[in-house]
Amino acid sequence: MKKNLNKLRSDIDKIDRDILVLLSKRAAIAKDIGTLKNDGVIYKPEREASLIAKLRKLNQGPLSQASVINIFKSIISNCRALEKKIKRFFFRPARNF
């Protein structure tokens, strides 16, 4: 049993490394897409909805549809953030003069 557990954990470690490599490739492509967009529109809900619909059809488990959607929405959101520099604003109390 112990040998099987170690083998399974090793398999998961390899898969995690593969996923990270693929996520990095996806993120680099998303960043390139951001440089090519001329209209300045980063978020296109119809594109995201179409992608999610395709993934739902491809999903055969064991992850639930909700899990797959949640995972990919996170991936999409994080990659979208690379398409454009995020402006940060800091609020501070007004100074009394």
PDB file of N, CA and C in Angstrom:
ATOM      1  N   MET A   1       0.834  -1.202   0.000  1.00  0.00           N
ATOM      2  CA  MET A   1       0.000   0.000   0.000  1.00  0.00           C
ATOM      3  C   MET A   1       0.867   1.249   0.000  1.00  0.00           C
ATOM      4  N   LYS A   2       1.918   1.268   0.816  1.00  0.00           N
ATOM      5  CA  LYS A   2       2.784   2.437   0.919  1.00  0.00           C
ATOM      6  C   LYS A   2       3.424   2.762  -0.431  1.00  0.00           C
ATOM      7  N   LYS A   3       3.848   1.716  -1.150  1.00  0.00           N
ATOM      8  CA  LYS A   3       4.466   1.924  -2.444  1.00  0.00           C
ATOM      9  C   LYS A   3       3.476   2.560  -3.418  1.00  0.00           C
ATOM     10  N   ASN A   4       2.253   2.114  -3.421  1.00  0.00           N
ATOM     11  CA  ASN A   4       1.230   2.689  -4.288  1.00  0.00           C
ATOM     12  C   ASN A   4       0.973   4.148  -3.956  1.00  0.00           C
ATOM     13  N   LEU A   5       0.925   4.469  -2.674  1.00  0.00           N
ATOM     14  CA  LEU A   5       0.692   5.843  -2.243  1.00  0.00           C
ATOM     15  C   LEU A   5       1.827   6.746  -2.714  1.00  0.00           C
ATOM     16  N   ASN A   6       3.054   6.306  -2.543  1.00  0.00           N
ATOM     17  CA  ASN A   6       4.199   7.102  -2.997  1.00  0.00           C
ATOM     18  C   ASN A   6       4.201   7.286  -4.506  1.00  0.00           C
ATOM     19  N   LYS A   7       3.838   6.245  -5.234  1.00  0.00           N
ATOM     20  CA  LYS A   7       3.760   6.319  -6.696  1.00  0.00           C
ATOM     21  C   LYS A   7       2.681   7.305  -7.120  1.00  0.00           C
ATOM     22  N   LEU A   8       1.537   7.231  -6.480  1.00  0.00           N
ATOM     23  CA  LEU A   8       0.442   8.144  -6.816  1.00  0.00           C
ATOM     24  C   LEU A   8       0.829   9.589  -6.515  1.00  0.00           C
ATOM     25  N   ARG A   9       1.489   9.810  -5.400  1.00  0.00           N
ATOM     26  CA  ARG A   9       1.937  11.160  -5.051  1.00  0.00           C
ATOM     27  C   ARG A   9       2.969  11.659  -6.057  1.00  0.00           C
ATOM     28  N   SER A  10       3.838  10.786  -6.482  1.00  0.00           N
ATOM     29  CA  SER A  10       4.831  11.143  -7.489  1.00  0.00           C
ATOM     30  C   SER A  10       4.143  11.506  -8.811  1.00  0.00           C
ATOM     31  N   ASP A  11       3.119  10.736  -9.168  1.00  0.00           N
ATOM     32  CA  ASP A  11       2.345  11.025 -10.382  1.00  0.00           C
ATOM     33  C   ASP A  11       1.699  12.413 -10.294  1.00  0.00           C
ATOM     34  N   ILE A  12       1.121  12.724  -9.135  1.00  0.00           N
ATOM     35  CA  ILE A  12       0.489  14.029  -8.945  1.00  0.00           C
ATOM     36  C   ILE A  12       1.528  15.149  -9.032  1.00  0.00           C
ATOM     37  N   ASP A  13       2.699  14.936  -8.444  1.00  0.00           N
ATOM     38  CA  ASP A  13       3.758  15.949  -8.515  1.00  0.00           C
ATOM     39  C   ASP A  13       4.147  16.243  -9.963  1.00  0.00           C
ATOM     40  N   LYS A  14       4.255  15.208 -10.782  1.00  0.00           N
ATOM     41  CA  LYS A  14       4.599  15.400 -12.191  1.00  0.00           C
ATOM     42  C   LYS A  14       3.481  16.148 -12.921  1.00  0.00           C
ATOM     43  N   ILE A  15       2.260  15.750 -12.668  1.00  0.00           N
ATOM     44  CA  ILE A  15       1.123  16.426 -13.304  1.00  0.00           C
ATOM     45  C   ILE A  15       1.089  17.896 -12.901  1.00  0.00           C
ATOM     46  N   ASP A  16       1.337  18.185 -11.624  1.00  0.00           N
ATOM     47  CA  ASP A  16       1.356  19.575 -11.162  1.00  0.00           C
ATOM     48  C   ASP A  16       2.423  20.379 -11.894  1.00  0.00           C
ATOM     49  N   ARG A  17       3.595  19.794 -12.100  1.00  0.00           N
ATOM     50  CA  ARG A  17       4.646  20.487 -12.850  1.00  0.00           C
ATOM     51  C   ARG A  17       4.199  20.743 -14.282  1.00  0.00           C
ATOM     52  N   ASP A  18       3.563  19.736 -14.900  1.00  0.00           N
ATOM     53  CA  ASP A  18       3.064  19.893 -16.270  1.00  0.00           C
ATOM     54  C   ASP A  18       1.999  20.985 -16.351  1.00  0.00           C
ATOM     55  N   ILE A  19       1.109  21.004 -15.390  1.00  0.00           N
ATOM     56  CA  ILE A  19       0.066  22.038 -15.354  1.00  0.00           C
ATOM     57  C   ILE A  19       0.701  23.414 -15.240  1.00  0.00           C
ATOM     58  N   LEU A  20       1.703  23.555 -14.387  1.00  0.00           N
ATOM     59  CA  LEU A  20       2.371  24.845 -14.215  1.00  0.00           C
ATOM     60  C   LEU A  20       3.030  25.303 -15.508  1.00  0.00           C
ATOM     61  N   VAL A  21       3.666  24.393 -16.223  1.00  0.00           N
ATOM     62  CA  VAL A  21       4.284  24.740 -17.506  1.00  0.00           C
ATOM     63  C   VAL A  21       3.214  25.227 -18.485  1.00  0.00           C
ATOM     64  N   LEU A  22       2.105  24.511 -18.553  1.00  0.00           N
ATOM     65  CA  LEU A  22       1.022  24.898 -19.464  1.00  0.00           C
ATOM     66  C   LEU A  22       0.376  26.223 -19.053  1.00  0.00           C
ATOM     67  N   LEU A  23       0.198  26.434 -17.760  1.00  0.00           N
ATOM     68  CA  LEU A  23      -0.361  27.707 -17.293  1.00  0.00           C
ATOM     69  C   LEU A  23       0.566  28.867 -17.642  1.00  0.00           C
ATOM     70  N   SER A  24       1.866  28.647 -17.516  1.00  0.00           N
ATOM     71  CA  SER A  24       2.824  29.691 -17.859  1.00  0.00           C
ATOM     72  C   SER A  24       2.771  30.003 -19.351  1.00  0.00           C
ATOM     73  N   LYS A  25       2.633  28.986 -20.176  1.00  0.00           N
ATOM     74  CA  LYS A  25       2.493  29.201 -21.629  1.00  0.00           C
ATOM     75  C   LYS A  25       1.219  29.969 -21.931  1.00  0.00           C
ATOM     76  N   ARG A  26       0.124  29.592 -21.265  1.00  0.00           N
ATOM     77  CA  ARG A  26      -1.151  30.280 -21.484  1.00  0.00           C
ATOM     78  C   ARG A  26      -1.042  31.741 -21.080  1.00  0.00           C
ATOM     79  N   ALA A  27      -0.411  31.989 -19.950  1.00  0.00           N
ATOM     80  CA  ALA A  27      -0.255  33.356 -19.453  1.00  0.00           C
ATOM     81  C   ALA A  27       0.594  34.189 -20.406  1.00  0.00           C
ATOM     82  N   ALA A  28       1.648  33.614 -20.952  1.00  0.00           N
ATOM     83  CA  ALA A  28       2.496  34.346 -21.897  1.00  0.00           C
ATOM     84  C   ALA A  28       1.713  34.710 -23.156  1.00  0.00           C
ATOM     85  N   ILE A  29       0.884  33.800 -23.631  1.00  0.00           N
ATOM     86  CA  ILE A  29       0.056  34.086 -24.807  1.00  0.00           C
ATOM     87  C   ILE A  29      -0.955  35.175 -24.492  1.00  0.00           C
ATOM     88  N   ALA A  30      -1.572  35.113 -23.319  1.00  0.00           N
ATOM     89  CA  ALA A  30      -2.535  36.150 -22.922  1.00  0.00           C
ATOM     90  C   ALA A  30      -1.857  37.515 -22.877  1.00  0.00           C
ATOM     91  N   LYS A  31      -0.635  37.546 -22.376  1.00  0.00           N
ATOM     92  CA  LYS A  31       0.110  38.800 -22.315  1.00  0.00           C
ATOM     93  C   LYS A  31       0.370  39.327 -23.728  1.00  0.00           C
ATOM     94  N   ASP A  32       0.730  38.427 -24.652  1.00  0.00           N
ATOM     95  CA  ASP A  32       0.935  38.820 -26.049  1.00  0.00           C
ATOM     96  C   ASP A  32      -0.360  39.355 -26.661  1.00  0.00           C
ATOM     97  N   ILE A  33      -1.466  38.708 -26.347  1.00  0.00           N
ATOM     98  CA  ILE A  33      -2.766  39.163 -26.860  1.00  0.00           C
ATOM     99  C   ILE A  33      -3.037  40.591 -26.393  1.00  0.00           C
ATOM    100  N   GLY A  34      -2.697  40.872 -25.140  1.00  0.00           N
ATOM    101  CA  GLY A  34      -2.902  42.219 -24.610  1.00  0.00           C
ATOM    102  C   GLY A  34      -2.145  43.273 -25.392  1.00  0.00           C
ATOM    103  N   THR A  35      -0.960  42.935 -25.877  1.00  0.00           N
ATOM    104  CA  THR A  35      -0.186  43.910 -26.654  1.00  0.00           C
ATOM    105  C   THR A  35      -0.763  44.103 -28.051  1.00  0.00           C
ATOM    106  N   LEU A  36      -1.501  43.124 -28.546  1.00  0.00           N
ATOM    107  CA  LEU A  36      -2.079  43.213 -29.885  1.00  0.00           C
ATOM    108  C   LEU A  36      -3.445  43.892 -29.922  1.00  0.00           C
ATOM    109  N   LYS A  37      -4.117  43.951 -28.793  1.00  0.00           N
ATOM    110  CA  LYS A  37      -5.451  44.550 -28.754  1.00  0.00           C
ATOM    111  C   LYS A  37      -5.336  46.056 -28.932  1.00  0.00           C
ATOM    112  N   ASN A  38      -5.987  46.542 -29.952  1.00  0.00           N
ATOM    113  CA  ASN A  38      -5.931  47.971 -30.256  1.00  0.00           C
ATOM    114  C   ASN A  38      -7.076  48.758 -29.652  1.00  0.00           C
ATOM    115  N   ASP A  39      -8.167  48.070 -29.352  1.00  0.00           N
ATOM    116  CA  ASP A  39      -9.351  48.775 -28.862  1.00  0.00           C
ATOM    117  C   ASP A  39      -9.319  49.013 -27.360  1.00  0.00           C
ATOM    118  N   GLY A  40      -8.330  48.453 -26.679  1.00  0.00           N
ATOM    119  CA  GLY A  40      -8.206  48.664 -25.240  1.00  0.00           C
ATOM    120  C   GLY A  40      -9.175  47.848 -24.400  1.00  0.00           C
ATOM    121  N   VAL A  41     -10.035  47.075 -25.060  1.00  0.00           N
ATOM    122  CA  VAL A  41     -11.011  46.268 -24.327  1.00  0.00           C
ATOM    123  C   VAL A  41     -10.353  44.947 -23.960  1.00  0.00           C
ATOM    124  N   ILE A  42     -10.222  44.716 -22.675  1.00  0.00           N
ATOM    125  CA  ILE A  42      -9.572  43.498 -22.199  1.00  0.00           C
ATOM    126  C   ILE A  42     -10.602  42.406 -21.915  1.00  0.00           C
ATOM    127  N   TYR A  43     -11.693  42.776 -21.267  1.00  0.00           N
ATOM    128  CA  TYR A  43     -12.701  41.793 -20.867  1.00  0.00           C
ATOM    129  C   TYR A  43     -13.799  41.717 -21.910  1.00  0.00           C
ATOM    130  N   LYS A  44     -13.956  40.538 -22.492  1.00  0.00           N
ATOM    131  CA  LYS A  44     -15.030  40.299 -23.450  1.00  0.00           C
ATOM    132  C   LYS A  44     -15.864  39.137 -22.916  1.00  0.00           C
ATOM    133  N   PRO A  45     -16.989  39.453 -22.276  1.00  0.00           N
ATOM    134  CA  PRO A  45     -17.779  38.403 -21.628  1.00  0.00           C
ATOM    135  C   PRO A  45     -18.248  37.312 -22.586  1.00  0.00           C
ATOM    136  N   GLU A  46     -18.528  37.671 -23.836  1.00  0.00           N
ATOM    137  CA  GLU A  46     -18.989  36.661 -24.782  1.00  0.00           C
ATOM    138  C   GLU A  46     -17.875  35.654 -25.097  1.00  0.00           C
ATOM    139  N   ARG A  47     -16.639  36.104 -25.141  1.00  0.00           N
ATOM    140  CA  ARG A  47     -15.497  35.209 -25.375  1.00  0.00           C
ATOM    141  C   ARG A  47     -15.338  34.253 -24.190  1.00  0.00           C
ATOM    142  N   GLU A  48     -15.433  34.794 -22.981  1.00  0.00           N
ATOM    143  CA  GLU A  48     -15.312  33.962 -21.792  1.00  0.00           C
ATOM    144  C   GLU A  48     -16.454  32.951 -21.717  1.00  0.00           C
ATOM    145  N   ALA A  49     -17.666  33.388 -22.012  1.00  0.00           N
ATOM    146  CA  ALA A  49     -18.825  32.484 -21.970  1.00  0.00           C
ATOM    147  C   ALA A  49     -18.677  31.356 -22.986  1.00  0.00           C
ATOM    148  N   SER A  50     -18.168  31.686 -24.165  1.00  0.00           N
ATOM    149  CA  SER A  50     -17.961  30.683 -25.204  1.00  0.00           C
ATOM    150  C   SER A  50     -16.913  29.658 -24.771  1.00  0.00           C
ATOM    151  N   LEU A  51     -15.839  30.131 -24.179  1.00  0.00           N
ATOM    152  CA  LEU A  51     -14.786  29.244 -23.699  1.00  0.00           C
ATOM    153  C   LEU A  51     -15.298  28.318 -22.593  1.00  0.00           C
ATOM    154  N   ILE A  52     -16.023  28.882 -21.656  1.00  0.00           N
ATOM    155  CA  ILE A  52     -16.579  28.082 -20.549  1.00  0.00           C
ATOM    156  C   ILE A  52     -17.556  27.037 -21.092  1.00  0.00           C
ATOM    157  N   ALA A  53     -18.371  27.403 -22.069  1.00  0.00           N
ATOM    158  CA  ALA A  53     -19.324  26.450 -22.653  1.00  0.00           C
ATOM    159  C   ALA A  53     -18.592  25.285 -23.314  1.00  0.00           C
ATOM    160  N   LYS A  54     -17.506  25.579 -24.016  1.00  0.00           N
ATOM    161  CA  LYS A  54     -16.715  24.514 -24.650  1.00  0.00           C
ATOM    162  C   LYS A  54     -16.114  23.583 -23.601  1.00  0.00           C
ATOM    163  N   LEU A  55     -15.591  24.175 -22.543  1.00  0.00           N
ATOM    164  CA  LEU A  55     -14.975  23.367 -21.487  1.00  0.00           C
ATOM    165  C   LEU A  55     -16.000  22.492 -20.777  1.00  0.00           C
ATOM    166  N   ARG A  56     -17.197  23.021 -20.591  1.00  0.00           N
ATOM    167  CA  ARG A  56     -18.262  22.224 -19.963  1.00  0.00           C
ATOM    168  C   ARG A  56     -18.569  20.989 -20.792  1.00  0.00           C
ATOM    169  N   LYS A  57     -18.596  21.171 -22.127  1.00  0.00           N
ATOM    170  CA  LYS A  57     -18.874  20.034 -23.006  1.00  0.00           C
ATOM    171  C   LYS A  57     -17.745  19.009 -22.966  1.00  0.00           C
ATOM    172  N   LEU A  58     -16.520  19.484 -22.813  1.00  0.00           N
ATOM    173  CA  LEU A  58     -15.363  18.588 -22.788  1.00  0.00           C
ATOM    174  C   LEU A  58     -15.216  17.846 -21.462  1.00  0.00           C
ATOM    175  N   ASN A  59     -15.738  18.421 -20.401  1.00  0.00           N
ATOM    176  CA  ASN A  59     -15.561  17.828 -19.069  1.00  0.00           C
ATOM    177  C   ASN A  59     -16.311  16.506 -18.944  1.00  0.00           C
ATOM    178  N   GLN A  60     -15.557  15.470 -18.612  1.00  0.00           N
ATOM    179  CA  GLN A  60     -16.163  14.150 -18.402  1.00  0.00           C
ATOM    180  C   GLN A  60     -15.920  13.640 -16.987  1.00  0.00           C
ATOM    181  N   GLY A  61     -15.531  14.567 -16.084  1.00  0.00           N
ATOM    182  CA  GLY A  61     -15.333  14.177 -14.695  1.00  0.00           C
ATOM    183  C   GLY A  61     -13.929  13.685 -14.454  1.00  0.00           C
ATOM    184  N   PRO A  62     -13.616  13.390 -13.250  1.00  0.00           N
ATOM    185  CA  PRO A  62     -14.483  13.324 -12.084  1.00  0.00           C
ATOM    186  C   PRO A  62     -14.799  14.682 -11.462  1.00  0.00           C
ATOM    187  N   LEU A  63     -14.161  15.757 -11.936  1.00  0.00           N
ATOM    188  CA  LEU A  63     -14.508  17.074 -11.391  1.00  0.00           C
ATOM    189  C   LEU A  63     -15.901  17.473 -11.845  1.00  0.00           C
ATOM    190  N   SER A  64     -16.640  18.106 -10.966  1.00  0.00           N
ATOM    191  CA  SER A  64     -17.986  18.579 -11.313  1.00  0.00           C
ATOM    192  C   SER A  64     -17.880  19.743 -12.291  1.00  0.00           C
ATOM    193  N   GLN A  65     -18.998  20.016 -12.959  1.00  0.00           N
ATOM    194  CA  GLN A  65     -19.039  21.166 -13.866  1.00  0.00           C
ATOM    195  C   GLN A  65     -18.715  22.446 -13.107  1.00  0.00           C
ATOM    196  N   ALA A  66     -19.264  22.580 -11.908  1.00  0.00           N
ATOM    197  CA  ALA A  66     -19.026  23.781 -11.108  1.00  0.00           C
ATOM    198  C   ALA A  66     -17.545  23.934 -10.778  1.00  0.00           C
ATOM    199  N   SER A  67     -16.875  22.826 -10.478  1.00  0.00           N
ATOM    200  CA  SER A  67     -15.449  22.879 -10.166  1.00  0.00           C
ATOM    201  C   SER A  67     -14.635  23.303 -11.382  1.00  0.00           C
ATOM    202  N   VAL A  68     -14.941  22.718 -12.519  1.00  0.00           N
ATOM    203  CA  VAL A  68     -14.223  23.061 -13.751  1.00  0.00           C
ATOM    204  C   VAL A  68     -14.429  24.532 -14.088  1.00  0.00           C
ATOM    205  N   ILE A  69     -15.651  25.007 -13.970  1.00  0.00           N
ATOM    206  CA  ILE A  69     -15.942  26.414 -14.259  1.00  0.00           C
ATOM    207  C   ILE A  69     -15.176  27.310 -13.296  1.00  0.00           C
ATOM    208  N   ASN A  70     -15.184  26.970 -12.033  1.00  0.00           N
ATOM    209  CA  ASN A  70     -14.481  27.757 -11.026  1.00  0.00           C
ATOM    210  C   ASN A  70     -12.983  27.825 -11.322  1.00  0.00           C
ATOM    211  N   ILE A  71     -12.384  26.693 -11.629  1.00  0.00           N
ATOM    212  CA  ILE A  71     -10.949  26.634 -11.925  1.00  0.00           C
ATOM    213  C   ILE A  71     -10.622  27.498 -13.137  1.00  0.00           C
ATOM    214  N   PHE A  72     -11.381  27.335 -14.210  1.00  0.00           N
ATOM    215  CA  PHE A  72     -11.070  28.070 -15.431  1.00  0.00           C
ATOM    216  C   PHE A  72     -11.396  29.552 -15.335  1.00  0.00           C
ATOM    217  N   LYS A  73     -12.412  29.916 -14.578  1.00  0.00           N
ATOM    218  CA  LYS A  73     -12.669  31.344 -14.383  1.00  0.00           C
ATOM    219  C   LYS A  73     -11.498  31.997 -13.663  1.00  0.00           C
ATOM    220  N   SER A  74     -10.906  31.289 -12.725  1.00  0.00           N
ATOM    221  CA  SER A  74      -9.735  31.806 -12.031  1.00  0.00           C
ATOM    222  C   SER A  74      -8.551  31.932 -12.983  1.00  0.00           C
ATOM    223  N   ILE A  75      -8.332  30.915 -13.798  1.00  0.00           N
ATOM    224  CA  ILE A  75      -7.242  30.962 -14.774  1.00  0.00           C
ATOM    225  C   ILE A  75      -7.450  32.125 -15.737  1.00  0.00           C
ATOM    226  N   ILE A  76      -8.656  32.255 -16.260  1.00  0.00           N
ATOM    227  CA  ILE A  76      -8.967  33.324 -17.207  1.00  0.00           C
ATOM    228  C   ILE A  76      -8.755  34.687 -16.567  1.00  0.00           C
ATOM    229  N   SER A  77      -9.244  34.857 -15.365  1.00  0.00           N
ATOM    230  CA  SER A  77      -9.113  36.131 -14.664  1.00  0.00           C
ATOM    231  C   SER A  77      -7.652  36.498 -14.432  1.00  0.00           C
ATOM    232  N   ASN A  78      -6.867  35.546 -13.988  1.00  0.00           N
ATOM    233  CA  ASN A  78      -5.455  35.817 -13.727  1.00  0.00           C
ATOM    234  C   ASN A  78      -4.677  36.080 -15.009  1.00  0.00           C
ATOM    235  N   CYS A  79      -5.021  35.406 -16.072  1.00  0.00           N
ATOM    236  CA  CYS A  79      -4.365  35.670 -17.355  1.00  0.00           C
ATOM    237  C   CYS A  79      -4.811  37.013 -17.933  1.00  0.00           C
ATOM    238  N   ARG A  80      -6.084  37.343 -17.754  1.00  0.00           N
ATOM    239  CA  ARG A  80      -6.586  38.638 -18.228  1.00  0.00           C
ATOM    240  C   ARG A  80      -5.833  39.782 -17.565  1.00  0.00           C
ATOM    241  N   ALA A  81      -5.493  39.611 -16.313  1.00  0.00           N
ATOM    242  CA  ALA A  81      -4.767  40.652 -15.580  1.00  0.00           C
ATOM    243  C   ALA A  81      -3.406  40.928 -16.210  1.00  0.00           C
ATOM    244  N   LEU A  82      -2.859  39.974 -16.931  1.00  0.00           N
ATOM    245  CA  LEU A  82      -1.571  40.168 -17.599  1.00  0.00           C
ATOM    246  C   LEU A  82      -1.690  40.938 -18.906  1.00  0.00           C
ATOM    247  N   GLU A  83      -2.897  41.031 -19.432  1.00  0.00           N
ATOM    248  CA  GLU A  83      -3.098  41.683 -20.716  1.00  0.00           C
ATOM    249  C   GLU A  83      -2.934  43.195 -20.638  1.00  0.00           C
ATOM    250  N   LYS A  84      -3.089  43.734 -19.474  1.00  0.00           N
ATOM    251  CA  LYS A  84      -3.032  45.184 -19.328  1.00  0.00           C
ATOM    252  C   LYS A  84      -2.465  45.497 -17.951  1.00  0.00           C
ATOM    253  N   LYS A  85      -1.647  46.516 -17.903  1.00  0.00           N
ATOM    254  CA  LYS A  85      -1.140  46.925 -16.603  1.00  0.00           C
ATOM    255  C   LYS A  85      -2.298  47.415 -15.751  1.00  0.00           C
ATOM    256  N   ILE A  86      -2.338  46.913 -14.559  1.00  0.00           N
ATOM    257  CA  ILE A  86      -3.395  47.296 -13.638  1.00  0.00           C
ATOM    258  C   ILE A  86      -3.005  48.594 -12.951  1.00  0.00           C
ATOM    259  N   LYS A  87      -3.917  49.532 -12.988  1.00  0.00           N
ATOM    260  CA  LYS A  87      -3.676  50.788 -12.289  1.00  0.00           C
ATOM    261  C   LYS A  87      -4.115  50.616 -10.846  1.00  0.00           C
ATOM    262  N   ARG A  88      -3.271  51.042  -9.971  1.00  0.00           N
ATOM    263  CA  ARG A  88      -3.596  50.926  -8.555  1.00  0.00           C
ATOM    264  C   ARG A  88      -3.798  52.302  -7.974  1.00  0.00           C
ATOM    265  N   PHE A  89      -4.814  52.401  -7.199  1.00  0.00           N
ATOM    266  CA  PHE A  89      -5.119  53.652  -6.531  1.00  0.00           C
ATOM    267  C   PHE A  89      -5.074  53.420  -5.034  1.00  0.00           C
ATOM    268  N   PHE A  90      -4.512  54.365  -4.341  1.00  0.00           N
ATOM    269  CA  PHE A  90      -4.442  54.267  -2.892  1.00  0.00           C
ATOM    270  C   PHE A  90      -5.217  55.403  -2.299  1.00  0.00           C
ATOM    271  N   PHE A  91      -6.098  55.078  -1.417  1.00  0.00           N
ATOM    272  CA  PHE A  91      -6.896  56.093  -0.750  1.00  0.00           C
ATOM    273  C   PHE A  91      -6.292  56.354   0.632  1.00  0.00           C
ATOM    274  N   ARG A  92      -6.252  57.604   0.965  1.00  0.00           N
ATOM    275  CA  ARG A  92      -5.763  57.964   2.295  1.00  0.00           C
ATOM    276  C   ARG A  92      -6.635  59.090   2.812  1.00  0.00           C
ATOM    277  N   PRO A  93      -6.647  59.250   4.086  1.00  0.00           N
ATOM    278  CA  PRO A  93      -7.486  60.317   4.657  1.00  0.00           C
ATOM    279  C   PRO A  93      -7.023  61.691   4.145  1.00  0.00           C
ATOM    280  N   ALA A  94      -7.993  62.543   3.934  1.00  0.00           N
ATOM    281  CA  ALA A  94      -7.651  63.905   3.492  1.00  0.00           C
ATOM    282  C   ALA A  94      -6.908  64.637   4.606  1.00  0.00           C
ATOM    283  N   ARG A  95      -5.959  65.448   4.194  1.00  0.00           N
ATOM    284  CA  ARG A  95      -5.208  66.220   5.189  1.00  0.00           C
ATOM    285  C   ARG A  95      -5.908  67.535   5.465  1.00  0.00           C
ATOM    286  N   ASN A  96      -5.924  67.898   6.691  1.00  0.00           N
ATOM    287  CA  ASN A  96      -6.507  69.194   7.075  1.00  0.00           C
ATOM    288  C   ASN A  96      -5.393  70.225   7.090  1.00  0.00           C
ATOM    289  N   PHE A  97      -5.596  71.278   6.341  1.00  0.00           N
ATOM    290  CA  PHE A  97      -4.575  72.346   6.290  1.00  0.00           C
ATOM    291  C   PHE A  97      -4.990  73.508   7.129  1.00  0.00           C
TER     292      PHE A  97
END
